Amino acid sequence: MAHTEGTLLLLRHGESVFNASKTFTGLLDVGLTPAGERQVGVAAALIREAGLHPDLVVRSPMWRAIRTTDLLLDALGLDGVPVESSWRLSERDYGCLTGVSKADARARHGKEAFFTWRRTMHGRPPAASAEQVASWREPAPLAEAGPLRPGMGESLHDVVERVRPLWDDLRDRLGRGDCVFVVSHGNTLRALCAVMAGLSDEETERLNIPAGHPLVFRVDAAGGVHPRSGSYLDHDAASAAAERVAAEGGT
């Protein structure tokens, strides 16, 4: 029997308005900055150079991921590629941190709580107050949010568990030799990497996936991913961007 190997490409959406202002976004639905749209163009050029053509694109239902997907497929000149949406790929909900700048969150809650809620596997921010929820102006995609509700609060472990069933579906397609693109968010992509590569809590906590940098895995018929940490199409640029993300306190 011939060896079958699929290709999985992960792409975090381009820089969003809240990324630029270093604000916790979570399930708030914000758009891309002009720089974020340019990032997608660079990603498309790298993907074209690598000769990758998706059989399927699976994306988050949030606007910044939808816009990234549309820009990417347009830049690649791809019409008719199936695109599916999954609420499981929506960004992690940040509870009381939602809509708060990282600097204000650190000052308001202290460095220890900020680190625990932001970077550890099981740290879960408390739910947002009714007053906070009422103050949010950015709509959330509730029609496709499944059981998620903005302000509820999730740990990274919660996100790992909600993306796990999605990986089961993707693994079946990849095992047949398909090429699948996943366009999503920093935390859901970290969670997906944790599930498919069997990352430890510590490895997952240290992982930073920068915006707009395509990350590629080969997936064998048994669902094994190679290499375990993936390969960025522009390793040097992605590594530098990931260091900047880490310096800000994470994705």
Protein backbone atom coordinates (compact mmCIF):
# COMPACT_ATOMS: atom_id res chain seq x y z
CA MET A 1 0.00 0.00 0.00
CA ALA A 2 1.34 3.42 -0.95
CA HIS A 3 2.34 5.71 1.89
CA THR A 4 -0.18 8.50 2.37
CA GLU A 5 0.73 11.77 4.01
CA GLY A 6 -1.43 14.85 4.43
CA THR A 7 -0.42 18.46 4.89
CA LEU A 8 -1.80 20.71 7.62
CA LEU A 9 -1.18 24.45 7.51
CA LEU A 10 -2.03 26.57 10.53
CA LEU A 11 -2.41 30.33 10.14
CA ARG A 12 -3.19 32.78 12.88
CA HIS A 13 -5.23 35.68 11.53
CA GLY A 14 -3.45 38.91 10.65
CA GLU A 15 -2.93 41.59 13.26
CA SER A 16 -6.26 42.80 14.62
CA VAL A 17 -7.19 46.23 15.97
CA PHE A 18 -6.99 44.88 19.53
CA ASN A 19 -3.70 43.09 18.85
CA ALA A 20 -2.27 46.45 17.83
CA SER A 21 -3.49 48.13 21.03
CA LYS A 22 -2.37 45.15 23.18
CA THR A 23 -5.93 44.55 24.37
CA PHE A 24 -7.45 41.20 25.38
CA THR A 25 -9.90 40.40 22.59
CA GLY A 26 -11.32 36.95 23.29
CA LEU A 27 -14.83 36.62 21.83
CA LEU A 28 -15.13 40.28 20.84
CA ASP A 29 -15.34 40.56 17.07
CA VAL A 30 -12.82 43.10 15.82
CA GLY A 31 -11.32 43.65 12.39
CA LEU A 32 -7.81 43.58 10.98
CA THR A 33 -5.48 46.53 10.83
CA PRO A 34 -3.94 47.54 7.48
CA ALA A 35 -0.73 45.90 8.73
CA GLY A 36 -2.71 42.73 9.44
CA GLU A 37 -4.07 42.69 5.90
CA ARG A 38 -0.52 43.08 4.54
CA GLN A 39 0.57 40.14 6.70
CA VAL A 40 -1.97 37.96 4.92
CA GLY A 41 -0.50 39.00 1.58
CA VAL A 42 2.98 37.95 2.75
CA ALA A 43 1.58 34.65 4.00
CA ALA A 44 -0.08 34.04 0.63
CA ALA A 45 3.23 34.63 -1.18
CA LEU A 46 4.99 32.10 1.06
CA ILE A 47 2.22 29.55 0.56
CA ARG A 48 2.33 30.02 -3.21
CA GLU A 49 6.11 29.61 -3.22
CA ALA A 50 5.75 26.39 -1.20
CA GLY A 51 3.29 25.04 -3.76
CA LEU A 52 0.55 24.34 -1.22
CA HIS A 53 -3.05 24.11 -2.41
CA PRO A 54 -5.80 23.39 0.13
CA ASP A 55 -8.45 20.75 -0.39
CA LEU A 56 -10.29 22.29 2.55
CA VAL A 57 -10.08 25.44 4.68
CA VAL A 58 -11.44 25.32 8.22
CA ARG A 59 -11.73 28.65 10.00
CA SER A 60 -12.96 30.31 13.12
CA PRO A 61 -16.36 32.04 12.76
CA MET A 62 -14.92 35.30 14.07
CA TRP A 63 -14.59 38.26 11.72
CA ARG A 64 -10.80 38.58 11.92
CA ALA A 65 -10.43 34.94 10.83
CA ILE A 66 -13.11 35.27 8.13
CA ARG A 67 -11.38 38.35 6.71
CA THR A 68 -8.00 36.61 6.80
CA THR A 69 -9.42 33.59 4.98
CA ASP A 70 -11.06 35.73 2.30
CA LEU A 71 -7.90 37.77 1.72
CA LEU A 72 -5.75 34.64 1.62
CA LEU A 73 -7.86 32.77 -0.92
CA ASP A 74 -8.20 35.88 -3.06
CA ALA A 75 -4.43 36.46 -3.05
CA LEU A 76 -3.86 32.82 -3.98
CA GLY A 77 -6.44 33.04 -6.77
CA LEU A 78 -8.40 30.12 -5.36
CA ASP A 79 -12.09 29.89 -6.15
CA GLY A 80 -14.28 27.01 -5.15
CA VAL A 81 -12.12 25.68 -2.32
CA PRO A 82 -14.48 24.35 0.37
CA VAL A 83 -14.48 26.54 3.49
CA GLU A 84 -15.95 25.29 6.74
CA SER A 85 -16.52 27.19 9.98
CA SER A 86 -16.25 25.70 13.47
CA TRP A 87 -17.17 27.36 16.76
CA ARG A 88 -14.47 25.17 18.32
CA LEU A 89 -11.89 27.44 16.67
CA SER A 90 -13.24 30.65 18.21
CA GLU A 91 -10.71 32.47 20.34
CA ARG A 92 -10.36 31.69 24.02
CA ASP A 93 -12.77 33.71 26.15
CA TYR A 94 -10.93 35.94 28.63
CA GLY A 95 -13.73 36.58 31.12
CA CYS A 96 -13.06 39.76 33.12
CA LEU A 97 -9.95 40.52 31.03
CA THR A 98 -11.99 40.89 27.84
CA GLY A 99 -11.65 44.35 26.33
CA VAL A 100 -8.99 45.34 28.88
CA SER A 101 -5.49 46.38 27.85
CA LYS A 102 -2.71 44.10 29.01
CA ALA A 103 -1.10 46.95 30.93
CA ASP A 104 -4.34 47.76 32.75
CA ALA A 105 -5.02 44.09 33.47
CA ARG A 106 -1.58 43.67 35.01
CA ALA A 107 -2.00 46.80 37.14
CA ARG A 108 -5.56 45.93 38.18
CA HIS A 109 -5.09 42.28 39.10
CA GLY A 110 -1.38 42.03 39.88
CA LYS A 111 1.46 40.27 38.09
CA GLU A 112 0.80 36.85 39.62
CA ALA A 113 -2.87 36.69 38.64
CA PHE A 114 -2.06 38.17 35.23
CA PHE A 115 0.52 35.45 34.57
CA THR A 116 -1.65 32.65 35.96
CA TRP A 117 -4.72 33.61 33.97
CA ARG A 118 -2.78 34.45 30.83
CA ARG A 119 -0.14 31.79 30.44
CA THR A 120 -0.80 28.71 32.58
CA MET A 121 -2.79 25.72 31.36
CA HIS A 122 -5.40 25.78 34.12
CA GLY A 123 -5.59 29.47 35.03
CA ARG A 124 -9.11 30.69 34.27
CA PRO A 125 -9.98 34.40 34.48
CA PRO A 126 -13.12 35.13 36.51
CA ALA A 127 -16.27 35.86 34.54
CA ALA A 128 -16.90 39.41 33.39
CA SER A 129 -19.38 41.48 35.35
CA ALA A 130 -22.71 42.51 33.87
CA GLU A 131 -21.38 46.06 33.71
CA GLN A 132 -18.36 44.94 31.69
CA VAL A 133 -20.49 42.98 29.25
CA ALA A 134 -22.80 45.97 28.77
CA SER A 135 -19.82 48.17 27.96
CA TRP A 136 -18.56 46.10 25.02
CA ARG A 137 -19.24 47.68 21.67
CA GLU A 138 -17.72 44.98 19.48
CA PRO A 139 -20.36 42.40 18.51
CA ALA A 140 -19.65 38.72 19.09
CA PRO A 141 -20.61 36.01 16.54
CA LEU A 142 -23.19 34.38 18.78
CA ALA A 143 -24.96 32.69 15.90
CA GLU A 144 -21.92 30.45 15.42
CA ALA A 145 -20.51 30.46 18.94
CA GLY A 146 -21.92 27.12 20.03
CA PRO A 147 -22.00 27.05 23.84
CA LEU A 148 -19.49 29.92 24.14
CA ARG A 149 -20.60 33.22 25.60
CA PRO A 150 -18.40 36.33 25.77
CA GLY A 151 -17.22 36.98 29.31
CA MET A 152 -17.70 33.44 30.63
CA GLY A 153 -13.97 32.86 31.13
CA GLU A 154 -11.93 29.89 29.84
CA SER A 155 -8.61 28.35 30.74
CA LEU A 156 -6.25 27.16 28.05
CA HIS A 157 -7.11 23.63 29.15
CA ASP A 158 -10.77 24.39 28.42
CA VAL A 159 -9.78 25.39 24.90
CA VAL A 160 -7.70 22.23 24.46
CA GLU A 161 -10.73 20.14 25.32
CA ARG A 162 -13.03 21.98 22.94
CA VAL A 163 -10.67 21.63 19.95
CA ARG A 164 -9.98 17.94 20.60
CA PRO A 165 -13.03 16.66 18.65
CA LEU A 166 -12.09 18.90 15.73
CA TRP A 167 -8.66 17.27 15.53
CA ASP A 168 -10.33 13.85 15.29
CA ASP A 169 -12.17 15.05 12.17
CA LEU A 170 -9.11 16.73 10.65
CA ARG A 171 -6.91 13.70 11.30
CA ASP A 172 -9.22 11.50 9.22
CA ARG A 173 -8.97 13.82 6.23
CA LEU A 174 -5.24 14.34 6.59
CA GLY A 175 -4.71 10.60 6.86
CA ARG A 176 -6.18 10.29 3.38
CA GLY A 177 -3.56 12.66 2.01
CA ASP A 178 -5.54 15.90 1.91
CA CYS A 179 -4.09 19.38 2.38
CA VAL A 180 -6.02 21.33 5.00
CA PHE A 181 -5.60 24.96 6.03
CA VAL A 182 -6.81 26.06 9.48
CA VAL A 183 -7.26 29.82 10.00
CA SER A 184 -7.81 30.70 13.62
CA HIS A 185 -6.45 32.45 16.72
CA GLY A 186 -3.35 32.27 18.87
CA ASN A 187 -4.88 30.28 21.70
CA THR A 188 -6.95 27.86 19.65
CA LEU A 189 -3.96 27.10 17.45
CA ARG A 190 -1.81 26.53 20.56
CA ALA A 191 -4.52 24.19 21.85
CA LEU A 192 -4.70 22.35 18.53
CA CYS A 193 -0.92 21.88 18.54
CA ALA A 194 -1.15 20.51 22.08
CA VAL A 195 -3.76 17.94 21.05
CA MET A 196 -2.25 16.75 17.80
CA ALA A 197 1.40 16.69 18.92
CA GLY A 198 0.76 15.54 22.50
CA LEU A 199 2.46 18.58 24.00
CA SER A 200 2.93 18.72 27.76
CA ASP A 201 1.35 21.51 29.78
CA GLU A 202 4.72 23.23 29.99
CA GLU A 203 5.33 22.98 26.24
CA THR A 204 1.89 24.37 25.51
CA GLU A 205 2.35 27.24 27.95
CA ARG A 206 5.64 28.21 26.28
CA LEU A 207 4.24 28.04 22.76
CA ASN A 208 3.60 31.35 20.98
CA ILE A 209 2.14 31.44 17.48
CA PRO A 210 2.56 34.84 15.80
CA ALA A 211 -0.02 36.45 13.54
CA GLY A 212 0.20 35.86 9.82
CA HIS A 213 2.99 33.26 9.78
CA PRO A 214 2.09 29.93 8.08
CA LEU A 215 3.05 26.88 10.16
CA VAL A 216 3.13 23.53 8.33
CA PHE A 217 2.90 19.93 9.54
CA ARG A 218 3.00 16.66 7.66
CA VAL A 219 0.47 14.17 9.00
CA ASP A 220 0.86 10.44 8.40
CA ALA A 221 -1.91 7.88 7.99
CA ALA A 222 -1.79 7.07 11.71
CA GLY A 223 -2.29 10.73 12.66
CA GLY A 224 1.33 11.35 13.65
CA VAL A 225 2.54 14.91 12.99
CA HIS A 226 5.98 15.68 11.58
CA PRO A 227 7.90 17.57 12.70
CA ARG A 228 6.34 17.67 16.14
CA SER A 229 6.73 21.46 16.39
CA GLY A 230 5.88 22.10 12.73
CA SER A 231 7.86 24.17 10.23
CA TYR A 232 7.26 27.85 9.56
CA LEU A 233 7.48 28.80 5.90
CA ASP A 234 9.65 31.75 7.00
CA HIS A 235 11.39 30.41 10.10
CA ASP A 236 13.49 33.48 10.93
CA ALA A 237 10.67 36.00 10.63
CA ALA A 238 8.26 33.78 12.57
CA SER A 239 10.76 33.19 15.37
CA ALA A 240 11.34 36.91 15.78
CA ALA A 241 7.59 37.57 15.79
CA ALA A 242 7.01 34.83 18.38
CA GLU A 243 9.62 36.43 20.65
CA ARG A 244 7.75 39.73 20.42
CA VAL A 245 4.51 37.97 21.37
CA ALA A 246 6.20 36.38 24.39
CA ALA A 247 7.62 39.73 25.47
CA GLU A 248 4.08 41.19 25.55
CA GLY A 249 2.87 38.46 27.86
CA GLY A 250 1.60 35.98 25.31
CA THR A 251 -0.78 35.75 22.39
